Amino acid sequence: MSSDNKIEASVSETHAPAPKAADKILDVARDLFYREGIRAIGVDEIVRRAGVTKPSLYRSFPSKDELAASYLRKYDLEFWQRFDEAVDAHPGNPRAQLVAFLTRVGKRTQKPDYRGCGMTNAAVEYPEHGHPARVVSENNKQELRRRLRAMAAGMGAADSDTLGDGLLLLIEGAYISGQIFGEGGPAASVARNADLLIEASLKK
């Protein structure tokens, strides 16, 4: 191997992707944390299902708390990807953007394996505000509130903060009621109810 190739190989190794063990651990943790709850799942269960050793878990995630936060960071990225897809589909039309996003939310709430919003669930599980998982959850909700208020202003609402907060309350209600009622429950109509709330708020 030439010296140039050796340098390239060295650089490639330095910037290699995360170990496969870490990916497997995170994928298993995500599934278990979402379905069963973060506190209900121990590290032993995660390593057993991932087919790895406990030391390999702690090499990638210093603690279970950090593993929970990593799960939520990934959840956060995927949440905003879905949100931005709805925004990009209706450029310049925040009302249509929101209805499109909530239409998808309503459909997800009807699935048998629906367990609500992972961020909301984590906030309920961890009331202490400094917990790593709680911090990720709070940041997600604060950003959602900011965006909803901005979208309400973009719709021309006279009281955009109140409309934005009302939409946030409606969304959180859909997350919870989706778990309670399942198929055929009120969460299926979250997009329609959001549109009615918007219409009422825009009336002079």
N, C-alpha and C. Protein backbone atom coordinates (compact mmCIF):
# COMPACT_ATOMS: atom_id res chain seq x y z
N MET A 1 0.86 -1.21 0.00
CA MET A 1 0.00 0.00 0.00
C MET A 1 0.88 1.24 0.00
N SER A 2 0.56 2.20 -0.89
CA SER A 2 1.34 3.43 -0.96
C SER A 2 1.12 4.27 0.28
N SER A 3 2.03 5.24 0.49
CA SER A 3 1.89 6.12 1.67
C SER A 3 0.60 6.91 1.60
N ASP A 4 0.19 7.33 0.39
CA ASP A 4 -1.06 8.08 0.24
C ASP A 4 -2.24 7.23 0.65
N ASN A 5 -2.23 5.95 0.21
CA ASN A 5 -3.33 5.06 0.55
C ASN A 5 -3.38 4.78 2.04
N LYS A 6 -2.19 4.70 2.66
CA LYS A 6 -2.15 4.47 4.11
C LYS A 6 -2.77 5.65 4.85
N ILE A 7 -2.47 6.87 4.36
CA ILE A 7 -3.03 8.06 4.98
C ILE A 7 -4.55 8.07 4.85
N GLU A 8 -5.04 7.73 3.64
CA GLU A 8 -6.48 7.70 3.40
C GLU A 8 -7.15 6.67 4.30
N ALA A 9 -6.50 5.49 4.44
CA ALA A 9 -7.07 4.45 5.28
C ALA A 9 -7.12 4.90 6.73
N SER A 10 -6.06 5.59 7.15
CA SER A 10 -6.01 6.08 8.52
C SER A 10 -7.11 7.08 8.79
N VAL A 11 -7.34 8.01 7.84
CA VAL A 11 -8.39 9.01 7.97
C VAL A 11 -9.75 8.35 8.00
N SER A 12 -9.93 7.33 7.13
CA SER A 12 -11.20 6.62 7.06
C SER A 12 -11.50 5.94 8.38
N GLU A 13 -10.48 5.34 8.99
CA GLU A 13 -10.69 4.65 10.26
C GLU A 13 -11.02 5.63 11.38
N THR A 14 -10.39 6.81 11.31
CA THR A 14 -10.63 7.82 12.33
C THR A 14 -12.07 8.28 12.31
N HIS A 15 -12.64 8.38 11.11
CA HIS A 15 -14.00 8.88 10.95
C HIS A 15 -14.98 7.75 10.63
N ALA A 16 -14.68 6.57 11.10
CA ALA A 16 -15.55 5.42 10.86
C ALA A 16 -16.88 5.63 11.57
N PRO A 17 -17.97 5.06 11.03
CA PRO A 17 -19.27 5.20 11.68
C PRO A 17 -19.28 4.53 13.03
N ALA A 18 -20.32 4.81 13.82
CA ALA A 18 -20.45 4.25 15.16
C ALA A 18 -20.42 2.73 15.08
N PRO A 19 -19.85 2.08 16.09
CA PRO A 19 -19.78 0.60 16.10
C PRO A 19 -21.16 -0.01 15.92
N LYS A 20 -21.20 -1.15 15.26
CA LYS A 20 -22.48 -1.81 15.03
C LYS A 20 -23.16 -2.16 16.34
N ALA A 21 -22.36 -2.49 17.36
CA ALA A 21 -22.95 -2.84 18.65
C ALA A 21 -23.76 -1.68 19.20
N ALA A 22 -23.24 -0.45 19.06
CA ALA A 22 -23.96 0.73 19.55
C ALA A 22 -25.27 0.90 18.81
N ASP A 23 -25.26 0.68 17.49
CA ASP A 23 -26.48 0.80 16.70
C ASP A 23 -27.52 -0.23 17.13
N LYS A 24 -27.06 -1.47 17.33
CA LYS A 24 -27.98 -2.53 17.77
C LYS A 24 -28.57 -2.22 19.13
N ILE A 25 -27.73 -1.75 20.03
CA ILE A 25 -28.20 -1.40 21.37
C ILE A 25 -29.25 -0.30 21.31
N LEU A 26 -28.98 0.73 20.52
CA LEU A 26 -29.91 1.85 20.43
C LEU A 26 -31.22 1.43 19.78
N ASP A 27 -31.16 0.58 18.76
CA ASP A 27 -32.38 0.12 18.09
C ASP A 27 -33.24 -0.71 19.05
N VAL A 28 -32.60 -1.59 19.81
CA VAL A 28 -33.35 -2.42 20.76
C VAL A 28 -33.91 -1.55 21.87
N ALA A 29 -33.09 -0.64 22.39
CA ALA A 29 -33.55 0.24 23.46
C ALA A 29 -34.73 1.08 23.00
N ARG A 30 -34.65 1.59 21.79
CA ARG A 30 -35.73 2.42 21.27
C ARG A 30 -37.04 1.64 21.26
N ASP A 31 -37.00 0.43 20.75
CA ASP A 31 -38.21 -0.38 20.67
C ASP A 31 -38.77 -0.68 22.06
N LEU A 32 -37.91 -1.08 22.97
CA LEU A 32 -38.36 -1.43 24.31
C LEU A 32 -38.81 -0.21 25.10
N PHE A 33 -38.05 0.86 25.02
CA PHE A 33 -38.41 2.07 25.76
C PHE A 33 -39.76 2.62 25.29
N TYR A 34 -39.98 2.58 23.98
CA TYR A 34 -41.24 3.12 23.45
C TYR A 34 -42.42 2.25 23.85
N ARG A 35 -42.26 0.94 23.73
CA ARG A 35 -43.38 0.03 23.99
C ARG A 35 -43.65 -0.17 25.48
N GLU A 36 -42.58 -0.27 26.28
CA GLU A 36 -42.73 -0.65 27.68
C GLU A 36 -42.50 0.49 28.67
N GLY A 37 -41.84 1.55 28.22
CA GLY A 37 -41.48 2.63 29.12
C GLY A 37 -40.01 2.54 29.49
N ILE A 38 -39.37 3.67 29.69
CA ILE A 38 -37.93 3.68 29.94
C ILE A 38 -37.61 3.07 31.30
N ARG A 39 -38.32 3.45 32.32
CA ARG A 39 -38.03 2.95 33.67
C ARG A 39 -38.29 1.45 33.80
N ALA A 40 -39.20 0.94 32.99
CA ALA A 40 -39.59 -0.48 33.11
C ALA A 40 -38.54 -1.43 32.53
N ILE A 41 -37.63 -0.90 31.72
CA ILE A 41 -36.65 -1.74 31.02
C ILE A 41 -35.27 -1.57 31.64
N GLY A 42 -34.66 -2.69 32.01
CA GLY A 42 -33.31 -2.65 32.58
C GLY A 42 -32.24 -2.87 31.52
N VAL A 43 -31.03 -2.55 31.89
CA VAL A 43 -29.89 -2.72 30.99
C VAL A 43 -29.71 -4.19 30.61
N ASP A 44 -29.93 -5.10 31.56
CA ASP A 44 -29.75 -6.53 31.28
C ASP A 44 -30.67 -6.99 30.16
N GLU A 45 -31.90 -6.49 30.15
CA GLU A 45 -32.85 -6.87 29.10
C GLU A 45 -32.39 -6.34 27.74
N ILE A 46 -31.86 -5.15 27.74
CA ILE A 46 -31.41 -4.54 26.48
C ILE A 46 -30.24 -5.31 25.88
N VAL A 47 -29.23 -5.62 26.69
CA VAL A 47 -28.05 -6.32 26.16
C VAL A 47 -28.42 -7.73 25.73
N ARG A 48 -29.35 -8.35 26.45
CA ARG A 48 -29.77 -9.70 26.07
C ARG A 48 -30.44 -9.70 24.71
N ARG A 49 -31.33 -8.77 24.51
CA ARG A 49 -32.05 -8.72 23.22
C ARG A 49 -31.16 -8.23 22.09
N ALA A 50 -30.20 -7.39 22.41
CA ALA A 50 -29.28 -6.88 21.38
C ALA A 50 -28.18 -7.88 21.05
N GLY A 51 -28.00 -8.88 21.91
CA GLY A 51 -26.96 -9.87 21.68
C GLY A 51 -25.56 -9.33 21.89
N VAL A 52 -25.42 -8.42 22.84
CA VAL A 52 -24.11 -7.84 23.13
C VAL A 52 -23.83 -7.99 24.63
N THR A 53 -22.65 -7.58 25.03
CA THR A 53 -22.29 -7.65 26.44
C THR A 53 -22.57 -6.31 27.12
N LYS A 54 -22.68 -6.36 28.44
CA LYS A 54 -22.92 -5.13 29.19
C LYS A 54 -21.76 -4.14 29.05
N PRO A 55 -20.49 -4.61 29.08
CA PRO A 55 -19.38 -3.67 28.87
C PRO A 55 -19.47 -2.95 27.52
N SER A 56 -19.95 -3.64 26.47
CA SER A 56 -20.05 -2.99 25.17
C SER A 56 -21.11 -1.89 25.20
N LEU A 57 -22.15 -2.08 25.99
CA LEU A 57 -23.16 -1.03 26.14
C LEU A 57 -22.56 0.19 26.80
N TYR A 58 -21.83 -0.04 27.89
CA TYR A 58 -21.30 1.09 28.64
C TYR A 58 -20.14 1.78 27.92
N ARG A 59 -19.53 1.09 26.96
CA ARG A 59 -18.51 1.77 26.13
C ARG A 59 -19.16 2.81 25.22
N SER A 60 -20.37 2.54 24.80
CA SER A 60 -21.08 3.45 23.90
C SER A 60 -21.96 4.44 24.63
N PHE A 61 -22.53 4.00 25.76
CA PHE A 61 -23.44 4.84 26.54
C PHE A 61 -23.03 4.76 28.01
N PRO A 62 -22.49 5.83 28.56
CA PRO A 62 -21.94 5.79 29.92
C PRO A 62 -22.93 5.35 31.00
N SER A 63 -24.23 5.51 30.74
CA SER A 63 -25.24 5.15 31.72
C SER A 63 -26.56 4.88 31.01
N LYS A 64 -27.48 4.29 31.73
CA LYS A 64 -28.82 4.08 31.17
C LYS A 64 -29.48 5.42 30.88
N ASP A 65 -29.23 6.40 31.75
CA ASP A 65 -29.80 7.73 31.52
C ASP A 65 -29.34 8.30 30.18
N GLU A 66 -28.07 8.12 29.86
CA GLU A 66 -27.55 8.62 28.58
C GLU A 66 -28.11 7.82 27.41
N LEU A 67 -28.33 6.53 27.60
CA LEU A 67 -28.95 5.71 26.57
C LEU A 67 -30.37 6.19 26.31
N ALA A 68 -31.10 6.51 27.38
CA ALA A 68 -32.47 7.03 27.23
C ALA A 68 -32.45 8.36 26.49
N ALA A 69 -31.50 9.22 26.82
CA ALA A 69 -31.40 10.51 26.13
C ALA A 69 -31.05 10.32 24.66
N SER A 70 -30.19 9.35 24.37
CA SER A 70 -29.81 9.07 22.97
C SER A 70 -31.01 8.57 22.17
N TYR A 71 -31.82 7.72 22.79
CA TYR A 71 -33.06 7.25 22.17
C TYR A 71 -33.95 8.43 21.83
N LEU A 72 -34.09 9.37 22.75
CA LEU A 72 -34.97 10.51 22.54
C LEU A 72 -34.39 11.49 21.53
N ARG A 73 -33.07 11.60 21.46
CA ARG A 73 -32.46 12.48 20.44
C ARG A 73 -32.77 11.94 19.04
N LYS A 74 -32.72 10.63 18.89
CA LYS A 74 -33.06 10.02 17.61
C LYS A 74 -34.54 10.20 17.31
N TYR A 75 -35.36 10.04 18.33
CA TYR A 75 -36.81 10.25 18.19
C TYR A 75 -37.07 11.70 17.77
N ASP A 76 -36.35 12.62 18.38
CA ASP A 76 -36.50 14.04 18.08
C ASP A 76 -36.18 14.33 16.61
N LEU A 77 -35.09 13.77 16.10
CA LEU A 77 -34.72 13.98 14.70
C LEU A 77 -35.81 13.47 13.76
N GLU A 78 -36.34 12.29 14.06
CA GLU A 78 -37.38 11.71 13.20
C GLU A 78 -38.68 12.49 13.30
N PHE A 79 -38.97 13.02 14.49
CA PHE A 79 -40.17 13.84 14.67
C PHE A 79 -40.11 15.07 13.76
N TRP A 80 -38.99 15.77 13.79
CA TRP A 80 -38.88 16.99 12.98
C TRP A 80 -38.78 16.70 11.49
N GLN A 81 -38.27 15.53 11.15
CA GLN A 81 -38.28 15.14 9.74
C GLN A 81 -39.72 15.02 9.24
N ARG A 82 -40.58 14.39 10.03
CA ARG A 82 -41.99 14.26 9.64
C ARG A 82 -42.67 15.63 9.60
N PHE A 83 -42.38 16.44 10.59
CA PHE A 83 -42.96 17.78 10.64
C PHE A 83 -42.53 18.60 9.42
N ASP A 84 -41.25 18.56 9.11
CA ASP A 84 -40.72 19.34 7.99
C ASP A 84 -41.22 18.83 6.64
N GLU A 85 -41.49 17.54 6.54
CA GLU A 85 -42.07 17.01 5.31
C GLU A 85 -43.43 17.64 5.04
N ALA A 86 -44.23 17.79 6.10
CA ALA A 86 -45.55 18.43 5.95
C ALA A 86 -45.40 19.90 5.58
N VAL A 87 -44.43 20.57 6.18
CA VAL A 87 -44.18 21.98 5.88
C VAL A 87 -43.73 22.14 4.43
N ASP A 88 -42.81 21.30 4.01
CA ASP A 88 -42.27 21.41 2.64
C ASP A 88 -43.33 21.10 1.58
N ALA A 89 -44.32 20.28 1.95
CA ALA A 89 -45.36 19.90 0.99
C ALA A 89 -46.33 21.04 0.71
N HIS A 90 -46.36 22.05 1.59
CA HIS A 90 -47.30 23.17 1.43
C HIS A 90 -46.59 24.50 1.69
N PRO A 91 -45.66 24.85 0.83
CA PRO A 91 -44.86 26.06 1.07
C PRO A 91 -45.74 27.32 1.17
N GLY A 92 -45.47 28.11 2.21
CA GLY A 92 -46.18 29.37 2.37
C GLY A 92 -47.59 29.26 2.91
N ASN A 93 -48.01 28.05 3.30
CA ASN A 93 -49.38 27.85 3.78
C ASN A 93 -49.35 27.11 5.12
N PRO A 94 -49.13 27.83 6.22
CA PRO A 94 -48.99 27.16 7.52
C PRO A 94 -50.22 26.38 7.96
N ARG A 95 -51.39 26.83 7.56
CA ARG A 95 -52.60 26.09 7.93
C ARG A 95 -52.61 24.72 7.27
N ALA A 96 -52.31 24.67 6.00
CA ALA A 96 -52.26 23.39 5.29
C ALA A 96 -51.11 22.53 5.81
N GLN A 97 -50.01 23.16 6.16
CA GLN A 97 -48.87 22.42 6.71
C GLN A 97 -49.26 21.70 7.98
N LEU A 98 -49.93 22.41 8.86
CA LEU A 98 -50.31 21.83 10.14
C LEU A 98 -51.35 20.73 9.97
N VAL A 99 -52.33 20.97 9.12
CA VAL A 99 -53.36 19.95 8.88
C VAL A 99 -52.73 18.69 8.29
N ALA A 100 -51.77 18.86 7.38
CA ALA A 100 -51.10 17.71 6.78
C ALA A 100 -50.33 16.92 7.84
N PHE A 101 -49.62 17.62 8.70
CA PHE A 101 -48.87 16.95 9.76
C PHE A 101 -49.81 16.19 10.70
N LEU A 102 -50.90 16.84 11.10
CA LEU A 102 -51.81 16.22 12.05
C LEU A 102 -52.65 15.11 11.43
N THR A 103 -52.84 15.15 10.13
CA THR A 103 -53.52 14.04 9.46
C THR A 103 -52.71 12.76 9.63
N ARG A 104 -51.40 12.89 9.51
CA ARG A 104 -50.52 11.73 9.71
C ARG A 104 -50.52 11.29 11.17
N VAL A 105 -50.51 12.26 12.08
CA VAL A 105 -50.57 11.93 13.50
C VAL A 105 -51.85 11.14 13.80
N GLY A 106 -52.98 11.63 13.28
CA GLY A 106 -54.25 10.97 13.50
C GLY A 106 -54.26 9.54 13.00
N LYS A 107 -53.63 9.30 11.86
CA LYS A 107 -53.56 7.95 11.32
C LYS A 107 -52.69 7.05 12.19
N ARG A 108 -51.58 7.60 12.68
CA ARG A 108 -50.69 6.80 13.53
C ARG A 108 -51.38 6.38 14.83
N THR A 109 -52.24 7.25 15.36
CA THR A 109 -52.90 6.92 16.63
C THR A 109 -53.85 5.74 16.51
N GLN A 110 -54.18 5.36 15.31
CA GLN A 110 -55.13 4.27 15.10
C GLN A 110 -54.44 2.91 14.97
N LYS A 111 -53.12 2.90 15.00
CA LYS A 111 -52.40 1.64 14.86
C LYS A 111 -52.36 0.88 16.18
N PRO A 112 -52.43 -0.46 16.12
CA PRO A 112 -52.47 -1.27 17.35
C PRO A 112 -51.26 -1.06 18.26
N ASP A 113 -50.09 -0.77 17.68
CA ASP A 113 -48.87 -0.64 18.48
C ASP A 113 -48.58 0.80 18.90
N TYR A 114 -49.57 1.69 18.74
CA TYR A 114 -49.35 3.10 19.07
C TYR A 114 -49.23 3.29 20.58
N ARG A 115 -48.16 3.98 20.98
CA ARG A 115 -47.93 4.23 22.40
C ARG A 115 -47.74 5.72 22.67
N GLY A 116 -48.35 6.54 21.83
CA GLY A 116 -48.26 7.98 22.04
C GLY A 116 -46.95 8.57 21.59
N CYS A 117 -46.66 9.73 22.11
CA CYS A 117 -45.42 10.45 21.78
C CYS A 117 -44.34 10.05 22.78
N GLY A 118 -43.21 9.58 22.28
CA GLY A 118 -42.12 9.19 23.16
C GLY A 118 -41.64 10.33 24.04
N MET A 119 -41.69 11.56 23.51
CA MET A 119 -41.27 12.73 24.28
C MET A 119 -42.22 12.99 25.46
N THR A 120 -43.50 12.92 25.19
CA THR A 120 -44.49 13.12 26.24
C THR A 120 -44.37 12.03 27.30
N ASN A 121 -44.22 10.80 26.86
CA ASN A 121 -44.09 9.68 27.79
C ASN A 121 -42.87 9.85 28.69
N ALA A 122 -41.77 10.30 28.10
CA ALA A 122 -40.54 10.48 28.88
C ALA A 122 -40.71 11.59 29.92
N ALA A 123 -41.41 12.65 29.56
CA ALA A 123 -41.63 13.75 30.50
C ALA A 123 -42.46 13.28 31.69
N VAL A 124 -43.40 12.38 31.43
CA VAL A 124 -44.23 11.84 32.51
C VAL A 124 -43.38 10.92 33.40
N GLU A 125 -42.52 10.13 32.80
CA GLU A 125 -41.70 9.20 33.56
C GLU A 125 -40.64 9.90 34.41
N TYR A 126 -40.15 11.04 33.92
CA TYR A 126 -39.06 11.73 34.61
C TYR A 126 -39.49 13.15 34.98
N PRO A 127 -40.10 13.32 36.13
CA PRO A 127 -40.55 14.66 36.55
C PRO A 127 -39.40 15.60 36.91
N GLU A 128 -38.20 15.04 37.21
CA GLU A 128 -37.08 15.88 37.59
C GLU A 128 -36.52 16.58 36.34
N HIS A 129 -36.50 17.90 36.35
CA HIS A 129 -36.20 18.67 35.14
C HIS A 129 -34.76 18.53 34.65
N GLY A 130 -33.84 18.15 35.51
CA GLY A 130 -32.46 18.04 35.06
C GLY A 130 -32.08 16.69 34.50
N HIS A 131 -32.99 15.74 34.51
CA HIS A 131 -32.68 14.40 33.99
C HIS A 131 -32.40 14.49 32.49
N PRO A 132 -31.36 13.79 31.99
CA PRO A 132 -31.01 13.88 30.56
C PRO A 132 -32.17 13.61 29.61
N ALA A 133 -33.00 12.61 29.93
CA ALA A 133 -34.15 12.30 29.07
C ALA A 133 -35.18 13.41 29.12
N ARG A 134 -35.40 13.95 30.30
CA ARG A 134 -36.36 15.05 30.47
C ARG A 134 -35.90 16.28 29.70
N VAL A 135 -34.61 16.56 29.71
CA VAL A 135 -34.08 17.73 29.00
C VAL A 135 -34.38 17.64 27.51
N VAL A 136 -34.14 16.47 26.92
CA VAL A 136 -34.42 16.29 25.49
C VAL A 136 -35.91 16.48 25.22
N SER A 137 -36.74 15.90 26.08
CA SER A 137 -38.19 16.01 25.92
C SER A 137 -38.65 17.47 26.01
N GLU A 138 -38.17 18.18 27.03
CA GLU A 138 -38.57 19.58 27.20
C GLU A 138 -38.15 20.43 26.01
N ASN A 139 -36.95 20.20 25.51
CA ASN A 139 -36.47 20.98 24.36
C ASN A 139 -37.35 20.75 23.14
N ASN A 140 -37.77 19.50 22.94
CA ASN A 140 -38.64 19.18 21.81
C ASN A 140 -39.98 19.91 21.94
N LYS A 141 -40.56 19.89 23.13
CA LYS A 141 -41.87 20.52 23.33
C LYS A 141 -41.79 22.04 23.26
N GLN A 142 -40.70 22.60 23.76
CA GLN A 142 -40.53 24.05 23.66
C GLN A 142 -40.41 24.50 22.21
N GLU A 143 -39.67 23.70 21.42
CA GLU A 143 -39.53 24.05 20.00
C GLU A 143 -40.86 23.87 19.27
N LEU A 144 -41.62 22.84 19.61
CA LEU A 144 -42.93 22.65 18.99
C LEU A 144 -43.84 23.82 19.32
N ARG A 145 -43.83 24.25 20.56
CA ARG A 145 -44.65 25.40 20.95
C ARG A 145 -44.24 26.65 20.18
N ARG A 146 -42.93 26.87 20.05
CA ARG A 146 -42.45 28.03 19.31
C ARG A 146 -42.92 27.99 17.86
N ARG A 147 -42.80 26.81 17.24
CA ARG A 147 -43.20 26.68 15.83
C ARG A 147 -44.70 26.86 15.66
N LEU A 148 -45.49 26.30 16.56
CA LEU A 148 -46.95 26.42 16.44
C LEU A 148 -47.38 27.87 16.58
N ARG A 149 -46.77 28.59 17.50
CA ARG A 149 -47.10 30.01 17.66
C ARG A 149 -46.70 30.80 16.41
N ALA A 150 -45.54 30.47 15.84
CA ALA A 150 -45.10 31.15 14.62
C ALA A 150 -46.03 30.83 13.46
N MET A 151 -46.48 29.60 13.37
CA MET A 151 -47.41 29.22 12.30
C MET A 151 -48.74 29.92 12.48
N ALA A 152 -49.20 30.04 13.73
CA ALA A 152 -50.45 30.75 13.99
C ALA A 152 -50.34 32.20 13.56
N ALA A 153 -49.19 32.81 13.82
CA ALA A 153 -48.97 34.19 13.37
C ALA A 153 -48.97 34.26 11.85
N GLY A 154 -48.39 33.25 11.22
CA GLY A 154 -48.37 33.20 9.76
C GLY A 154 -49.74 33.03 9.14
N MET A 155 -50.67 32.48 9.92
CA MET A 155 -52.05 32.34 9.45
C MET A 155 -52.83 33.63 9.58
N GLY A 156 -52.27 34.59 10.32
CA GLY A 156 -52.95 35.86 10.51
C GLY A 156 -53.82 35.93 11.75
N ALA A 157 -53.60 35.03 12.70
CA ALA A 157 -54.40 35.04 13.92
C ALA A 157 -54.13 36.30 14.73
N ALA A 158 -55.19 36.90 15.24
CA ALA A 158 -55.04 38.11 16.04
C ALA A 158 -54.30 37.81 17.33
N ASP A 159 -54.58 36.65 17.92
CA ASP A 159 -53.91 36.22 19.15
C ASP A 159 -53.17 34.92 18.83
N SER A 160 -52.03 35.06 18.17
CA SER A 160 -51.33 33.89 17.65
C SER A 160 -50.76 33.00 18.77
N ASP A 161 -50.37 33.60 19.89
CA ASP A 161 -49.83 32.78 20.98
C ASP A 161 -50.91 31.88 21.57
N THR A 162 -52.11 32.42 21.73
CA THR A 162 -53.20 31.61 22.28
C THR A 162 -53.58 30.50 21.30
N LEU A 163 -53.64 30.80 20.02
CA LEU A 163 -53.96 29.77 19.03
C LEU A 163 -52.87 28.70 19.01
N GLY A 164 -51.61 29.14 19.01
CA GLY A 164 -50.52 28.17 19.00
C GLY A 164 -50.57 27.26 20.21
N ASP A 165 -50.84 27.83 21.38
CA ASP A 165 -50.93 27.01 22.59
C ASP A 165 -52.14 26.09 22.55
N GLY A 166 -53.24 26.56 21.98
CA GLY A 166 -54.42 25.72 21.85
C GLY A 166 -54.15 24.52 20.96
N LEU A 167 -53.40 24.74 19.89
CA LEU A 167 -53.04 23.65 18.99
C LEU A 167 -52.12 22.65 19.69
N LEU A 168 -51.21 23.17 20.51
CA LEU A 168 -50.32 22.29 21.26
C LEU A 168 -51.11 21.42 22.24
N LEU A 169 -52.07 22.02 22.93
CA LEU A 169 -52.91 21.25 23.84
C LEU A 169 -53.70 20.18 23.11
N LEU A 170 -54.18 20.51 21.93
CA LEU A 170 -54.93 19.55 21.12
C LEU A 170 -54.03 18.38 20.70
N ILE A 171 -52.81 18.70 20.30
CA ILE A 171 -51.87 17.66 19.88
C ILE A 171 -51.53 16.73 21.04
N GLU A 172 -51.23 17.32 22.20
CA GLU A 172 -50.90 16.49 23.36
C GLU A 172 -52.09 15.62 23.77
N GLY A 173 -53.28 16.15 23.63
CA GLY A 173 -54.47 15.35 23.91
C GLY A 173 -54.61 14.17 22.97
N ALA A 174 -54.23 14.38 21.71
CA ALA A 174 -54.29 13.30 20.73
C ALA A 174 -53.29 12.20 21.10
N TYR A 175 -52.10 12.61 21.55
CA TYR A 175 -51.09 11.61 21.94
C TYR A 175 -51.59 10.72 23.07
N ILE A 176 -52.24 11.32 24.05
CA ILE A 176 -52.70 10.55 25.21
C ILE A 176 -53.96 9.74 24.87
N SER A 177 -54.94 10.38 24.24
CA SER A 177 -56.19 9.67 23.95
C SER A 177 -55.99 8.55 22.94
N GLY A 178 -54.97 8.70 22.09
CA GLY A 178 -54.66 7.63 21.15
C GLY A 178 -54.29 6.34 21.86
N GLN A 179 -53.63 6.46 23.01
CA GLN A 179 -53.26 5.29 23.80
C GLN A 179 -54.46 4.71 24.54
N ILE A 180 -55.36 5.59 24.93
CA ILE A 180 -56.51 5.15 25.74
C ILE A 180 -57.59 4.48 24.88
N PHE A 181 -57.94 5.13 23.78
CA PHE A 181 -59.07 4.66 22.97
C PHE A 181 -58.66 3.76 21.81
N GLY A 182 -57.46 3.95 21.29
CA GLY A 182 -57.02 3.14 20.16
C GLY A 182 -57.84 3.41 18.90
N GLU A 183 -58.05 2.38 18.12
CA GLU A 183 -58.78 2.52 16.85
C GLU A 183 -60.19 3.03 17.09
N GLY A 184 -60.58 4.02 16.29
CA GLY A 184 -61.90 4.60 16.42
C GLY A 184 -62.00 5.68 17.47
N GLY A 185 -60.90 5.99 18.14
CA GLY A 185 -60.90 7.00 19.19
C GLY A 185 -60.87 8.42 18.65
N PRO A 186 -61.02 9.41 19.53
CA PRO A 186 -61.09 10.81 19.11
C PRO A 186 -59.81 11.34 18.47
N ALA A 187 -58.67 10.71 18.74
CA ALA A 187 -57.42 11.20 18.15
C ALA A 187 -57.41 11.13 16.63
N ALA A 188 -58.26 10.27 16.07
CA ALA A 188 -58.32 10.16 14.61
C ALA A 188 -58.74 11.46 13.95
N SER A 189 -59.47 12.30 14.68
CA SER A 189 -59.98 13.54 14.11
C SER A 189 -59.18 14.76 14.55
N VAL A 190 -57.94 14.55 14.97
CA VAL A 190 -57.15 15.67 15.48
C VAL A 190 -56.93 16.74 14.41
N ALA A 191 -56.72 16.34 13.17
CA ALA A 191 -56.50 17.33 12.10
C ALA A 191 -57.76 18.16 11.86
N ARG A 192 -58.91 17.51 11.85
CA ARG A 192 -60.18 18.22 11.64
C ARG A 192 -60.45 19.19 12.78
N ASN A 193 -60.21 18.75 14.00
CA ASN A 193 -60.44 19.63 15.14
C ASN A 193 -59.46 20.80 15.16
N ALA A 194 -58.24 20.55 14.74
CA ALA A 194 -57.27 21.64 14.65
C ALA A 194 -57.72 22.67 13.63
N ASP A 195 -58.24 22.20 12.50
CA ASP A 195 -58.69 23.12 11.47
C ASP A 195 -59.89 23.95 11.95
N LEU A 196 -60.78 23.33 12.71
CA LEU A 196 -61.92 24.06 13.27
C LEU A 196 -61.45 25.12 14.26
N LEU A 197 -60.45 24.77 15.08
CA LEU A 197 -59.90 25.73 16.03
C LEU A 197 -59.25 26.91 15.30
N ILE A 198 -58.54 26.59 14.23
CA ILE A 198 -57.92 27.65 13.44
C ILE A 198 -58.98 28.56 12.82
N GLU A 199 -60.00 27.95 12.25
CA GLU A 199 -61.08 28.72 11.62
C GLU A 199 -61.74 29.64 12.63
N ALA A 200 -62.03 29.15 13.81
CA ALA A 200 -62.67 29.97 14.83
C ALA A 200 -61.76 31.11 15.27
N SER A 201 -60.46 30.85 15.30
CA SER A 201 -59.50 31.87 15.75
C SER A 201 -59.27 32.95 14.71
N LEU A 202 -59.51 32.62 13.45
CA LEU A 202 -59.26 33.59 12.38
C LEU A 202 -60.46 34.46 12.08
N LYS A 203 -61.62 34.09 12.61
CA LYS A 203 -62.83 34.88 12.36
C LYS A 203 -62.73 36.24 13.05
N LYS A 204 -63.13 37.24 12.35
CA LYS A 204 -63.10 38.61 12.90
C LYS A 204 -64.22 38.78 13.92
